[in-house]
Amino acid sequence: MPHPDGYIAVLPPARVEKLLAQIGEMKLSDRDAQAVKARIFSSALQFTFDKQGRFGASADLLAHAGIAKDAVLVGMGDTFNIMSPSRWQDMQRATAGENFGDMMRRIGL
């Protein structure tokens, strides 16, 4: 699914189920919730791997992530993200050195 920060977020079925349940609890009269739901699920793809371990991504998803040729897979525990090399470099710079320690403290790690 397209992530608002400009990359592709890949979720396993169990995480998608949790997301569906969470979104399913939102009021039909909540315009923002309905807009987010439509945006997420109209652009999300379900995929499987072929015999060579490949999967396809739509041209829209690749354009959203700024991926023309090369991509970086970024593991996130039970999920992973697909980013352009430049987006990954930006993230690495933003979390380098003392910034990383500060981030860890702010989130309680």
PDB file of N, CA and C in Angstrom:
ATOM      1  N   MET A   1       0.835  -1.171   0.000  1.00  0.00           N
ATOM      2  CA  MET A   1       0.000   0.000   0.000  1.00  0.00           C
ATOM      3  C   MET A   1       0.884   1.239   0.000  1.00  0.00           C
ATOM      4  N   PRO A   2       0.439   2.328  -0.595  1.00  0.00           N
ATOM      5  CA  PRO A   2       1.248   3.542  -0.597  1.00  0.00           C
ATOM      6  C   PRO A   2       1.270   4.170   0.796  1.00  0.00           C
ATOM      7  N   HIS A   3       2.453   4.471   1.273  1.00  0.00           N
ATOM      8  CA  HIS A   3       2.585   5.140   2.572  1.00  0.00           C
ATOM      9  C   HIS A   3       2.630   6.642   2.327  1.00  0.00           C
ATOM     10  N   PRO A   4       2.016   7.445   3.197  1.00  0.00           N
ATOM     11  CA  PRO A   4       2.011   8.895   2.992  1.00  0.00           C
ATOM     12  C   PRO A   4       3.401   9.526   2.916  1.00  0.00           C
ATOM     13  N   ASP A   5       4.411   8.842   3.434  1.00  0.00           N
ATOM     14  CA  ASP A   5       5.769   9.383   3.404  1.00  0.00           C
ATOM     15  C   ASP A   5       6.524   9.048   2.132  1.00  0.00           C
ATOM     16  N   GLY A   6       5.839   8.510   1.112  1.00  0.00           N
ATOM     17  CA  GLY A   6       6.457   8.322  -0.190  1.00  0.00           C
ATOM     18  C   GLY A   6       7.182   7.016  -0.410  1.00  0.00           C
ATOM     19  N   TYR A   7       6.687   5.953   0.179  1.00  0.00           N
ATOM     20  CA  TYR A   7       7.236   4.631  -0.099  1.00  0.00           C
ATOM     21  C   TYR A   7       6.097   3.623  -0.099  1.00  0.00           C
ATOM     22  N   ILE A   8       6.422   2.366  -0.348  1.00  0.00           N
ATOM     23  CA  ILE A   8       5.425   1.301  -0.367  1.00  0.00           C
ATOM     24  C   ILE A   8       5.552   0.502   0.925  1.00  0.00           C
ATOM     25  N   ALA A   9       4.469   0.405   1.669  1.00  0.00           N
ATOM     26  CA  ALA A   9       4.440  -0.394   2.892  1.00  0.00           C
ATOM     27  C   ALA A   9       3.842  -1.757   2.551  1.00  0.00           C
ATOM     28  N   VAL A  10       4.524  -2.822   2.964  1.00  0.00           N
ATOM     29  CA  VAL A  10       4.063  -4.176   2.695  1.00  0.00           C
ATOM     30  C   VAL A  10       3.691  -4.812   4.030  1.00  0.00           C
ATOM     31  N   LEU A  11       2.423  -5.219   4.134  1.00  0.00           N
ATOM     32  CA  LEU A  11       1.898  -5.772   5.374  1.00  0.00           C
ATOM     33  C   LEU A  11       1.499  -7.223   5.178  1.00  0.00           C
ATOM     34  N   PRO A  12       1.766  -8.075   6.161  1.00  0.00           N
ATOM     35  CA  PRO A  12       1.302  -9.464   6.064  1.00  0.00           C
ATOM     36  C   PRO A  12      -0.206  -9.512   6.318  1.00  0.00           C
ATOM     37  N   PRO A  13      -0.844 -10.602   5.924  1.00  0.00           N
ATOM     38  CA  PRO A  13      -2.303 -10.709   6.090  1.00  0.00           C
ATOM     39  C   PRO A  13      -2.791 -10.414   7.514  1.00  0.00           C
ATOM     40  N   ALA A  14      -2.075 -10.850   8.529  1.00  0.00           N
ATOM     41  CA  ALA A  14      -2.522 -10.609   9.912  1.00  0.00           C
ATOM     42  C   ALA A  14      -2.583  -9.113  10.226  1.00  0.00           C
ATOM     43  N   ARG A  15      -1.609  -8.346   9.738  1.00  0.00           N
ATOM     44  CA  ARG A  15      -1.626  -6.891   9.963  1.00  0.00           C
ATOM     45  C   ARG A  15      -2.745  -6.232   9.176  1.00  0.00           C
ATOM     46  N   VAL A  16      -3.008  -6.725   7.970  1.00  0.00           N
ATOM     47  CA  VAL A  16      -4.110  -6.180   7.176  1.00  0.00           C
ATOM     48  C   VAL A  16      -5.433  -6.429   7.892  1.00  0.00           C
ATOM     49  N   GLU A  17      -5.585  -7.614   8.483  1.00  0.00           N
ATOM     50  CA  GLU A  17      -6.812  -7.930   9.245  1.00  0.00           C
ATOM     51  C   GLU A  17      -6.997  -6.940  10.391  1.00  0.00           C
ATOM     52  N   LYS A  18      -5.917  -6.640  11.120  1.00  0.00           N
ATOM     53  CA  LYS A  18      -6.000  -5.668  12.220  1.00  0.00           C
ATOM     54  C   LYS A  18      -6.380  -4.286  11.693  1.00  0.00           C
ATOM     55  N   LEU A  19      -5.783  -3.902  10.587  1.00  0.00           N
ATOM     56  CA  LEU A  19      -6.088  -2.606   9.984  1.00  0.00           C
ATOM     57  C   LEU A  19      -7.552  -2.545   9.552  1.00  0.00           C
ATOM     58  N   LEU A  20      -8.028  -3.606   8.920  1.00  0.00           N
ATOM     59  CA  LEU A  20      -9.430  -3.659   8.515  1.00  0.00           C
ATOM     60  C   LEU A  20     -10.362  -3.553   9.716  1.00  0.00           C
ATOM     61  N   ALA A  21     -10.026  -4.245  10.794  1.00  0.00           N
ATOM     62  CA  ALA A  21     -10.858  -4.196  11.997  1.00  0.00           C
ATOM     63  C   ALA A  21     -10.868  -2.783  12.586  1.00  0.00           C
ATOM     64  N   GLN A  22      -9.708  -2.154  12.631  1.00  0.00           N
ATOM     65  CA  GLN A  22      -9.610  -0.801  13.169  1.00  0.00           C
ATOM     66  C   GLN A  22     -10.406   0.179  12.316  1.00  0.00           C
ATOM     67  N   ILE A  23     -10.238   0.098  11.026  1.00  0.00           N
ATOM     68  CA  ILE A  23     -10.952   0.996  10.122  1.00  0.00           C
ATOM     69  C   ILE A  23     -12.447   0.679  10.133  1.00  0.00           C
ATOM     70  N   GLY A  24     -12.790  -0.587  10.291  1.00  0.00           N
ATOM     71  CA  GLY A  24     -14.193  -0.986  10.334  1.00  0.00           C
ATOM     72  C   GLY A  24     -14.958  -0.395  11.504  1.00  0.00           C
ATOM     73  N   GLU A  25     -14.244  -0.014  12.557  1.00  0.00           N
ATOM     74  CA  GLU A  25     -14.869   0.593  13.732  1.00  0.00           C
ATOM     75  C   GLU A  25     -15.146   2.080  13.546  1.00  0.00           C
ATOM     76  N   MET A  26     -14.609   2.663  12.497  1.00  0.00           N
ATOM     77  CA  MET A  26     -14.797   4.097  12.276  1.00  0.00           C
ATOM     78  C   MET A  26     -16.203   4.365  11.759  1.00  0.00           C
ATOM     79  N   LYS A  27     -16.739   5.494  12.156  1.00  0.00           N
ATOM     80  CA  LYS A  27     -18.100   5.857  11.782  1.00  0.00           C
ATOM     81  C   LYS A  27     -18.207   6.135  10.287  1.00  0.00           C
ATOM     82  N   LEU A  28     -19.283   5.681   9.703  1.00  0.00           N
ATOM     83  CA  LEU A  28     -19.537   5.958   8.293  1.00  0.00           C
ATOM     84  C   LEU A  28     -19.710   7.448   8.046  1.00  0.00           C
ATOM     85  N   SER A  29     -20.105   8.178   9.063  1.00  0.00           N
ATOM     86  CA  SER A  29     -20.302   9.623   8.928  1.00  0.00           C
ATOM     87  C   SER A  29     -19.006  10.415   9.101  1.00  0.00           C
ATOM     88  N   ASP A  30     -17.917   9.726   9.460  1.00  0.00           N
ATOM     89  CA  ASP A  30     -16.625  10.401   9.629  1.00  0.00           C
ATOM     90  C   ASP A  30     -15.960  10.537   8.267  1.00  0.00           C
ATOM     91  N   ARG A  31     -16.027  11.728   7.696  1.00  0.00           N
ATOM     92  CA  ARG A  31     -15.512  11.951   6.340  1.00  0.00           C
ATOM     93  C   ARG A  31     -14.023  11.657   6.225  1.00  0.00           C
ATOM     94  N   ASP A  32     -13.244  12.090   7.209  1.00  0.00           N
ATOM     95  CA  ASP A  32     -11.803  11.840   7.154  1.00  0.00           C
ATOM     96  C   ASP A  32     -11.503  10.346   7.172  1.00  0.00           C
ATOM     97  N   ALA A  33     -12.192   9.623   8.054  1.00  0.00           N
ATOM     98  CA  ALA A  33     -11.972   8.177   8.148  1.00  0.00           C
ATOM     99  C   ALA A  33     -12.337   7.490   6.836  1.00  0.00           C
ATOM    100  N   GLN A  34     -13.440   7.884   6.240  1.00  0.00           N
ATOM    101  CA  GLN A  34     -13.861   7.273   4.985  1.00  0.00           C
ATOM    102  C   GLN A  34     -12.909   7.627   3.849  1.00  0.00           C
ATOM    103  N   ALA A  35     -12.388   8.848   3.853  1.00  0.00           N
ATOM    104  CA  ALA A  35     -11.428   9.256   2.823  1.00  0.00           C
ATOM    105  C   ALA A  35     -10.127   8.464   2.950  1.00  0.00           C
ATOM    106  N   VAL A  36      -9.656   8.285   4.187  1.00  0.00           N
ATOM    107  CA  VAL A  36      -8.434   7.507   4.406  1.00  0.00           C
ATOM    108  C   VAL A  36      -8.655   6.056   3.992  1.00  0.00           C
ATOM    109  N   LYS A  37      -9.789   5.499   4.368  1.00  0.00           N
ATOM    110  CA  LYS A  37     -10.115   4.115   4.006  1.00  0.00           C
ATOM    111  C   LYS A  37     -10.117   3.947   2.491  1.00  0.00           C
ATOM    112  N   ALA A  38     -10.769   4.854   1.796  1.00  0.00           N
ATOM    113  CA  ALA A  38     -10.819   4.777   0.334  1.00  0.00           C
ATOM    114  C   ALA A  38      -9.438   4.908  -0.273  1.00  0.00           C
ATOM    115  N   ARG A  39      -8.649   5.824   0.248  1.00  0.00           N
ATOM    116  CA  ARG A  39      -7.308   6.042  -0.292  1.00  0.00           C
ATOM    117  C   ARG A  39      -6.422   4.815  -0.099  1.00  0.00           C
ATOM    118  N   ILE A  40      -6.456   4.258   1.094  1.00  0.00           N
ATOM    119  CA  ILE A  40      -5.614   3.087   1.383  1.00  0.00           C
ATOM    120  C   ILE A  40      -6.017   1.897   0.520  1.00  0.00           C
ATOM    121  N   PHE A  41      -7.289   1.541   0.547  1.00  0.00           N
ATOM    122  CA  PHE A  41      -7.696   0.296  -0.071  1.00  0.00           C
ATOM    123  C   PHE A  41      -7.918   0.392  -1.572  1.00  0.00           C
ATOM    124  N   SER A  42      -8.040   1.604  -2.107  1.00  0.00           N
ATOM    125  CA  SER A  42      -8.145   1.716  -3.565  1.00  0.00           C
ATOM    126  C   SER A  42      -6.774   1.577  -4.218  1.00  0.00           C
ATOM    127  N   SER A  43      -5.710   1.828  -3.447  1.00  0.00           N
ATOM    128  CA  SER A  43      -4.355   1.764  -3.985  1.00  0.00           C
ATOM    129  C   SER A  43      -3.591   0.521  -3.547  1.00  0.00           C
ATOM    130  N   ALA A  44      -4.098  -0.175  -2.567  1.00  0.00           N
ATOM    131  CA  ALA A  44      -3.397  -1.349  -2.039  1.00  0.00           C
ATOM    132  C   ALA A  44      -3.540  -2.525  -3.004  1.00  0.00           C
ATOM    133  N   LEU A  45      -2.523  -3.355  -3.022  1.00  0.00           N
ATOM    134  CA  LEU A  45      -2.516  -4.551  -3.856  1.00  0.00           C
ATOM    135  C   LEU A  45      -2.286  -5.776  -2.992  1.00  0.00           C
ATOM    136  N   GLN A  46      -2.923  -6.854  -3.361  1.00  0.00           N
ATOM    137  CA  GLN A  46      -2.609  -8.138  -2.752  1.00  0.00           C
ATOM    138  C   GLN A  46      -1.735  -8.878  -3.748  1.00  0.00           C
ATOM    139  N   PHE A  47      -0.688  -9.535  -3.270  1.00  0.00           N
ATOM    140  CA  PHE A  47       0.199 -10.222  -4.201  1.00  0.00           C
ATOM    141  C   PHE A  47       0.700 -11.526  -3.617  1.00  0.00           C
ATOM    142  N   THR A  48       1.215 -12.342  -4.492  1.00  0.00           N
ATOM    143  CA  THR A  48       1.925 -13.560  -4.120  1.00  0.00           C
ATOM    144  C   THR A  48       3.246 -13.543  -4.875  1.00  0.00           C
ATOM    145  N   PHE A  49       4.139 -14.389  -4.452  1.00  0.00           N
ATOM    146  CA  PHE A  49       5.441 -14.490  -5.108  1.00  0.00           C
ATOM    147  C   PHE A  49       5.390 -15.544  -6.200  1.00  0.00           C
ATOM    148  N   ASP A  50       6.139 -15.304  -7.281  1.00  0.00           N
ATOM    149  CA  ASP A  50       6.227 -16.330  -8.307  1.00  0.00           C
ATOM    150  C   ASP A  50       7.297 -17.348  -7.913  1.00  0.00           C
ATOM    151  N   LYS A  51       7.553 -18.308  -8.780  1.00  0.00           N
ATOM    152  CA  LYS A  51       8.506 -19.367  -8.459  1.00  0.00           C
ATOM    153  C   LYS A  51       9.921 -18.855  -8.241  1.00  0.00           C
ATOM    154  N   GLN A  52      10.225 -17.687  -8.793  1.00  0.00           N
ATOM    155  CA  GLN A  52      11.566 -17.112  -8.624  1.00  0.00           C
ATOM    156  C   GLN A  52      11.617 -16.104  -7.482  1.00  0.00           C
ATOM    157  N   GLY A  53      10.542 -16.007  -6.701  1.00  0.00           N
ATOM    158  CA  GLY A  53      10.516 -15.116  -5.547  1.00  0.00           C
ATOM    159  C   GLY A  53      10.199 -13.672  -5.872  1.00  0.00           C
ATOM    160  N   ARG A  54       9.637 -13.408  -7.042  1.00  0.00           N
ATOM    161  CA  ARG A  54       9.322 -12.046  -7.445  1.00  0.00           C
ATOM    162  C   ARG A  54       7.838 -11.766  -7.234  1.00  0.00           C
ATOM    163  N   PHE A  55       7.531 -10.478  -7.102  1.00  0.00           N
ATOM    164  CA  PHE A  55       6.138 -10.052  -7.104  1.00  0.00           C
ATOM    165  C   PHE A  55       6.050  -8.785  -7.928  1.00  0.00           C
ATOM    166  N   GLY A  56       4.870  -8.490  -8.384  1.00  0.00           N
ATOM    167  CA  GLY A  56       4.676  -7.303  -9.209  1.00  0.00           C
ATOM    168  C   GLY A  56       4.083  -6.165  -8.410  1.00  0.00           C
ATOM    169  N   ALA A  57       4.480  -4.971  -8.744  1.00  0.00           N
ATOM    170  CA  ALA A  57       3.905  -3.763  -8.151  1.00  0.00           C
ATOM    171  C   ALA A  57       3.372  -2.911  -9.290  1.00  0.00           C
ATOM    172  N   SER A  58       2.271  -2.244  -9.045  1.00  0.00           N
ATOM    173  CA  SER A  58       1.669  -1.425 -10.095  1.00  0.00           C
ATOM    174  C   SER A  58       2.531  -0.210 -10.414  1.00  0.00           C
ATOM    175  N   ALA A  59       2.357   0.313 -11.602  1.00  0.00           N
ATOM    176  CA  ALA A  59       3.081   1.516 -12.007  1.00  0.00           C
ATOM    177  C   ALA A  59       2.745   2.678 -11.077  1.00  0.00           C
ATOM    178  N   ASP A  60       1.493   2.745 -10.596  1.00  0.00           N
ATOM    179  CA  ASP A  60       1.094   3.813  -9.676  1.00  0.00           C
ATOM    180  C   ASP A  60       1.851   3.724  -8.354  1.00  0.00           C
ATOM    181  N   LEU A  61       1.973   2.506  -7.805  1.00  0.00           N
ATOM    182  CA  LEU A  61       2.720   2.341  -6.552  1.00  0.00           C
ATOM    183  C   LEU A  61       4.192   2.693  -6.734  1.00  0.00           C
ATOM    184  N   LEU A  62       4.774   2.244  -7.825  1.00  0.00           N
ATOM    185  CA  LEU A  62       6.185   2.553  -8.079  1.00  0.00           C
ATOM    186  C   LEU A  62       6.386   4.054  -8.248  1.00  0.00           C
ATOM    187  N   ALA A  63       5.481   4.713  -8.942  1.00  0.00           N
ATOM    188  CA  ALA A  63       5.581   6.170  -9.118  1.00  0.00           C
ATOM    189  C   ALA A  63       5.430   6.873  -7.773  1.00  0.00           C
ATOM    190  N   HIS A  64       4.502   6.406  -6.948  1.00  0.00           N
ATOM    191  CA  HIS A  64       4.305   6.983  -5.612  1.00  0.00           C
ATOM    192  C   HIS A  64       5.607   6.942  -4.807  1.00  0.00           C
ATOM    193  N   ALA A  65       6.334   5.830  -4.938  1.00  0.00           N
ATOM    194  CA  ALA A  65       7.578   5.646  -4.181  1.00  0.00           C
ATOM    195  C   ALA A  65       8.795   6.230  -4.891  1.00  0.00           C
ATOM    196  N   GLY A  66       8.607   6.767  -6.078  1.00  0.00           N
ATOM    197  CA  GLY A  66       9.744   7.332  -6.810  1.00  0.00           C
ATOM    198  C   GLY A  66      10.723   6.274  -7.279  1.00  0.00           C
ATOM    199  N   ILE A  67      10.229   5.076  -7.545  1.00  0.00           N
ATOM    200  CA  ILE A  67      11.084   3.971  -7.965  1.00  0.00           C
ATOM    201  C   ILE A  67      11.004   3.840  -9.482  1.00  0.00           C
ATOM    202  N   ALA A  68      12.153   4.023 -10.123  1.00  0.00           N
ATOM    203  CA  ALA A  68      12.222   3.877 -11.575  1.00  0.00           C
ATOM    204  C   ALA A  68      12.910   2.571 -11.955  1.00  0.00           C
ATOM    205  N   LYS A  69      13.970   2.232 -11.222  1.00  0.00           N
ATOM    206  CA  LYS A  69      14.724   1.024 -11.549  1.00  0.00           C
ATOM    207  C   LYS A  69      15.078   0.243 -10.288  1.00  0.00           C
ATOM    208  N   ASP A  70      15.924   0.824  -9.449  1.00  0.00           N
ATOM    209  CA  ASP A  70      16.383   0.151  -8.240  1.00  0.00           C
ATOM    210  C   ASP A  70      15.470   0.463  -7.065  1.00  0.00           C
ATOM    211  N   ALA A  71      15.429  -0.463  -6.110  1.00  0.00           N
ATOM    212  CA  ALA A  71      14.634  -0.285  -4.907  1.00  0.00           C
ATOM    213  C   ALA A  71      15.389  -0.868  -3.720  1.00  0.00           C
ATOM    214  N   VAL A  72      15.036  -0.406  -2.541  1.00  0.00           N
ATOM    215  CA  VAL A  72      15.623  -0.893  -1.298  1.00  0.00           C
ATOM    216  C   VAL A  72      14.494  -1.508  -0.471  1.00  0.00           C
ATOM    217  N   LEU A  73      14.693  -2.736   0.003  1.00  0.00           N
ATOM    218  CA  LEU A  73      13.746  -3.372   0.909  1.00  0.00           C
ATOM    219  C   LEU A  73      14.212  -3.101   2.329  1.00  0.00           C
ATOM    220  N   VAL A  74      13.342  -2.518   3.131  1.00  0.00           N
ATOM    221  CA  VAL A  74      13.684  -2.137   4.495  1.00  0.00           C
ATOM    222  C   VAL A  74      12.833  -2.965   5.450  1.00  0.00           C
ATOM    223  N   GLY A  75      13.468  -3.908   6.149  1.00  0.00           N
ATOM    224  CA  GLY A  75      12.762  -4.755   7.102  1.00  0.00           C
ATOM    225  C   GLY A  75      12.294  -3.970   8.306  1.00  0.00           C
ATOM    226  N   MET A  76      11.066  -4.301   8.764  1.00  0.00           N
ATOM    227  CA  MET A  76      10.464  -3.596   9.895  1.00  0.00           C
ATOM    228  C   MET A  76       9.868  -4.600  10.889  1.00  0.00           C
ATOM    229  N   GLY A  77      10.509  -5.728  11.075  1.00  0.00           N
ATOM    230  CA  GLY A  77       9.958  -6.747  11.958  1.00  0.00           C
ATOM    231  C   GLY A  77       8.956  -7.604  11.209  1.00  0.00           C
ATOM    232  N   ASP A  78       7.647  -7.353  11.429  1.00  0.00           N
ATOM    233  CA  ASP A  78       6.628  -8.158  10.759  1.00  0.00           C
ATOM    234  C   ASP A  78       6.137  -7.525   9.454  1.00  0.00           C
ATOM    235  N   THR A  79       6.736  -6.420   9.055  1.00  0.00           N
ATOM    236  CA  THR A  79       6.410  -5.766   7.791  1.00  0.00           C
ATOM    237  C   THR A  79       7.707  -5.391   7.089  1.00  0.00           C
ATOM    238  N   PHE A  80       7.595  -4.903   5.871  1.00  0.00           N
ATOM    239  CA  PHE A  80       8.755  -4.282   5.240  1.00  0.00           C
ATOM    240  C   PHE A  80       8.281  -3.176   4.324  1.00  0.00           C
ATOM    241  N   ASN A  81       9.198  -2.283   4.023  1.00  0.00           N
ATOM    242  CA  ASN A  81       8.912  -1.161   3.148  1.00  0.00           C
ATOM    243  C   ASN A  81       9.778  -1.264   1.902  1.00  0.00           C
ATOM    244  N   ILE A  82       9.249  -0.753   0.806  1.00  0.00           N
ATOM    245  CA  ILE A  82       9.999  -0.689  -0.443  1.00  0.00           C
ATOM    246  C   ILE A  82      10.208   0.788  -0.735  1.00  0.00           C
ATOM    247  N   MET A  83      11.473   1.184  -0.817  1.00  0.00           N
ATOM    248  CA  MET A  83      11.811   2.597  -0.973  1.00  0.00           C
ATOM    249  C   MET A  83      12.745   2.808  -2.151  1.00  0.00           C
ATOM    250  N   SER A  84      12.734   4.025  -2.652  1.00  0.00           N
ATOM    251  CA  SER A  84      13.757   4.398  -3.627  1.00  0.00           C
ATOM    252  C   SER A  84      15.071   4.531  -2.870  1.00  0.00           C
ATOM    253  N   PRO A  85      16.197   4.311  -3.528  1.00  0.00           N
ATOM    254  CA  PRO A  85      17.483   4.471  -2.845  1.00  0.00           C
ATOM    255  C   PRO A  85      17.650   5.864  -2.234  1.00  0.00           C
ATOM    256  N   SER A  86      17.159   6.895  -2.899  1.00  0.00           N
ATOM    257  CA  SER A  86      17.324   8.250  -2.358  1.00  0.00           C
ATOM    258  C   SER A  86      16.482   8.447  -1.098  1.00  0.00           C
ATOM    259  N   ARG A  87      15.273   7.904  -1.050  1.00  0.00           N
ATOM    260  CA  ARG A  87      14.437   8.009   0.159  1.00  0.00           C
ATOM    261  C   ARG A  87      15.109   7.286   1.315  1.00  0.00           C
ATOM    262  N   TRP A  88      15.689   6.107   1.052  1.00  0.00           N
ATOM    263  CA  TRP A  88      16.380   5.347   2.093  1.00  0.00           C
ATOM    264  C   TRP A  88      17.588   6.128   2.599  1.00  0.00           C
ATOM    265  N   GLN A  89      18.335   6.744   1.700  1.00  0.00           N
ATOM    266  CA  GLN A  89      19.485   7.555   2.121  1.00  0.00           C
ATOM    267  C   GLN A  89      19.030   8.725   2.987  1.00  0.00           C
ATOM    268  N   ASP A  90      17.929   9.357   2.616  1.00  0.00           N
ATOM    269  CA  ASP A  90      17.383  10.461   3.429  1.00  0.00           C
ATOM    270  C   ASP A  90      17.020   9.971   4.828  1.00  0.00           C
ATOM    271  N   MET A  91      16.394   8.784   4.913  1.00  0.00           N
ATOM    272  CA  MET A  91      16.022   8.241   6.211  1.00  0.00           C
ATOM    273  C   MET A  91      17.254   7.904   7.044  1.00  0.00           C
ATOM    274  N   GLN A  92      18.272   7.357   6.394  1.00  0.00           N
ATOM    275  CA  GLN A  92      19.502   7.044   7.121  1.00  0.00           C
ATOM    276  C   GLN A  92      20.157   8.310   7.661  1.00  0.00           C
ATOM    277  N   ARG A  93      20.168   9.368   6.857  1.00  0.00           N
ATOM    278  CA  ARG A  93      20.743  10.638   7.328  1.00  0.00           C
ATOM    279  C   ARG A  93      19.953  11.194   8.509  1.00  0.00           C
ATOM    280  N   ALA A  94      18.627  11.113   8.429  1.00  0.00           N
ATOM    281  CA  ALA A  94      17.766  11.663   9.480  1.00  0.00           C
ATOM    282  C   ALA A  94      17.906  10.913  10.798  1.00  0.00           C
ATOM    283  N   THR A  95      18.345   9.656  10.736  1.00  0.00           N
ATOM    284  CA  THR A  95      18.464   8.856  11.955  1.00  0.00           C
ATOM    285  C   THR A  95      19.921   8.602  12.339  1.00  0.00           C
ATOM    286  N   ALA A  96      20.829   9.340  11.770  1.00  0.00           N
ATOM    287  CA  ALA A  96      22.259   9.118  12.034  1.00  0.00           C
ATOM    288  C   ALA A  96      22.687   9.739  13.370  1.00  0.00           C
ATOM    289  N   GLY A  97      23.712   9.148  13.948  1.00  0.00           N
ATOM    290  CA  GLY A  97      24.373   9.696  15.128  1.00  0.00           C
ATOM    291  C   GLY A  97      23.443   9.964  16.299  1.00  0.00           C
ATOM    292  N   GLU A  98      23.564  11.167  16.856  1.00  0.00           N
ATOM    293  CA  GLU A  98      22.790  11.534  18.041  1.00  0.00           C
ATOM    294  C   GLU A  98      21.288  11.580  17.762  1.00  0.00           C
ATOM    295  N   ASN A  99      20.920  11.870  16.529  1.00  0.00           N
ATOM    296  CA  ASN A  99      19.491  11.889  16.192  1.00  0.00           C
ATOM    297  C   ASN A  99      18.838  10.550  16.513  1.00  0.00           C
ATOM    298  N   PHE A 100      19.549   9.459  16.232  1.00  0.00           N
ATOM    299  CA  PHE A 100      19.002   8.133  16.475  1.00  0.00           C
ATOM    300  C   PHE A 100      18.786   7.911  17.967  1.00  0.00           C
ATOM    301  N   GLY A 101      19.756   8.276  18.775  1.00  0.00           N
ATOM    302  CA  GLY A 101      19.623   8.143  20.229  1.00  0.00           C
ATOM    303  C   GLY A 101      18.467   8.982  20.757  1.00  0.00           C
ATOM    304  N   ASP A 102      18.340  10.201  20.253  1.00  0.00           N
ATOM    305  CA  ASP A 102      17.227  11.067  20.668  1.00  0.00           C
ATOM    306  C   ASP A 102      15.883  10.453  20.286  1.00  0.00           C
ATOM    307  N   MET A 103      15.819   9.898  19.089  1.00  0.00           N
ATOM    308  CA  MET A 103      14.577   9.260  18.646  1.00  0.00           C
ATOM    309  C   MET A 103      14.223   8.080  19.548  1.00  0.00           C
ATOM    310  N   MET A 104      15.208   7.271  19.872  1.00  0.00           N
ATOM    311  CA  MET A 104      14.962   6.118  20.731  1.00  0.00           C
ATOM    312  C   MET A 104      14.445   6.552  22.093  1.00  0.00           C
ATOM    313  N   ARG A 105      15.027   7.591  22.660  1.00  0.00           N
ATOM    314  CA  ARG A 105      14.571   8.093  23.957  1.00  0.00           C
ATOM    315  C   ARG A 105      13.140   8.622  23.870  1.00  0.00           C
ATOM    316  N   ARG A 106      12.812   9.350  22.808  1.00  0.00           N
ATOM    317  CA  ARG A 106      11.460   9.924  22.671  1.00  0.00           C
ATOM    318  C   ARG A 106      10.381   8.850  22.579  1.00  0.00           C
ATOM    319  N   ILE A 107      10.712   7.702  21.965  1.00  0.00           N
ATOM    320  CA  ILE A 107       9.705   6.645  21.850  1.00  0.00           C
ATOM    321  C   ILE A 107       9.805   5.619  22.977  1.00  0.00           C
ATOM    322  N   GLY A 108      10.698   5.862  23.915  1.00  0.00           N
ATOM    323  CA  GLY A 108      10.775   5.010  25.100  1.00  0.00           C
ATOM    324  C   GLY A 108      11.590   3.751  24.973  1.00  0.00           C
ATOM    325  N   LEU A 109      12.547   3.720  24.043  1.00  0.00           N
ATOM    326  CA  LEU A 109      13.421   2.555  23.929  1.00  0.00           C
ATOM    327  C   LEU A 109      14.746   2.796  24.619  1.00  0.00           C
TER     328      LEU A 109
END
